[in-house]
């Protein structure tokens, strides 16, 4: 994901959420609707989340240091994980608590036209933000379904904004239903039920975000398409005859580490091998521009050794099967 694309979606979501949060709190002040209070806190939490994503993107641009030789690309994953925590605690749990209180002590909604008007305005504003996120995502997801895009995306910003905006739109519908039923029946319990539903929705979205960003924090390999490009680029059929085994790791959304043991001919000189490695690195970077750190170890291929399978002691956590079956 390009940083500019993610930033556009984040800024659009931030502007929409700030305006919506202010309007929801005004509507709560005039109507006393707990759904409006929960939605106001939801929008405020979303605004804070967008600030976190912008901070993470800025910090990730810092240059590598001796203490952090591979740079700070994973800052974006850390701040995305913080977003899921904020959404869960501030947004979801607060809404559930507020809804429970309203169900326990219901009261009639006053000046119902305030919450209804604000919710309709919020639907329009959130729809604009969601449309921007969809447009930016469509440039990257290709033929992937939306669920596949969210699971496989290495850059966390667009999936976060997509899920937040989707959750916000569903939450607005729930708030409209809760407020509408409370006004029609004169029973404020419906407003509380709508608020609890909003809280449950936010908790579920937060859990999905936490699971996805946790995987990124642990370290994900390159996608199958990128792995195939790398393997094709490494082998020249002359000096480098095959890839014995390879590991890839995303240091950040746009930074990839590649470590591979490659087979060279037994009668090549050291100078020829070194020249072949340099050429292979150049081909890798041309094929996969996000390849930042490349480590190629030359070796002599042995069918007998290959038949033994991977060495459990060679890889932390045990042997890792290659995505393409090598």
Foldseek 3Di string as FASTA:
>chain_A
DDPVLLLVLLVLLLVLLVVLLVLLVVLCVQWVQLLSVLLSQLSVLSNVLSVLQVVLVVQQPDDADPVRNQGRQCSNLVSLLVSLVSLQPRRQVVLQVSLVVCLVPPAATGPLVSLVVSLVVSLVSLVVSLVSLVVSVCVPQPPDDPVRCCQPQQRNRSNSSNLSSVLSNVLSVLQCQLSVVCNVVVIRNSSSVSSNVSSVSSNVSSVVSNVRSVVSVVWDFDDPVLVVQLQVLLDPCAFFNGWLDKTKTDPHSLAIAIETETEGDPPDDPVVVVVSVVSSVVSSCVSRVSYDHYHYHYDHDDPVVVVVPDDQVVDVPGDDADPVGD
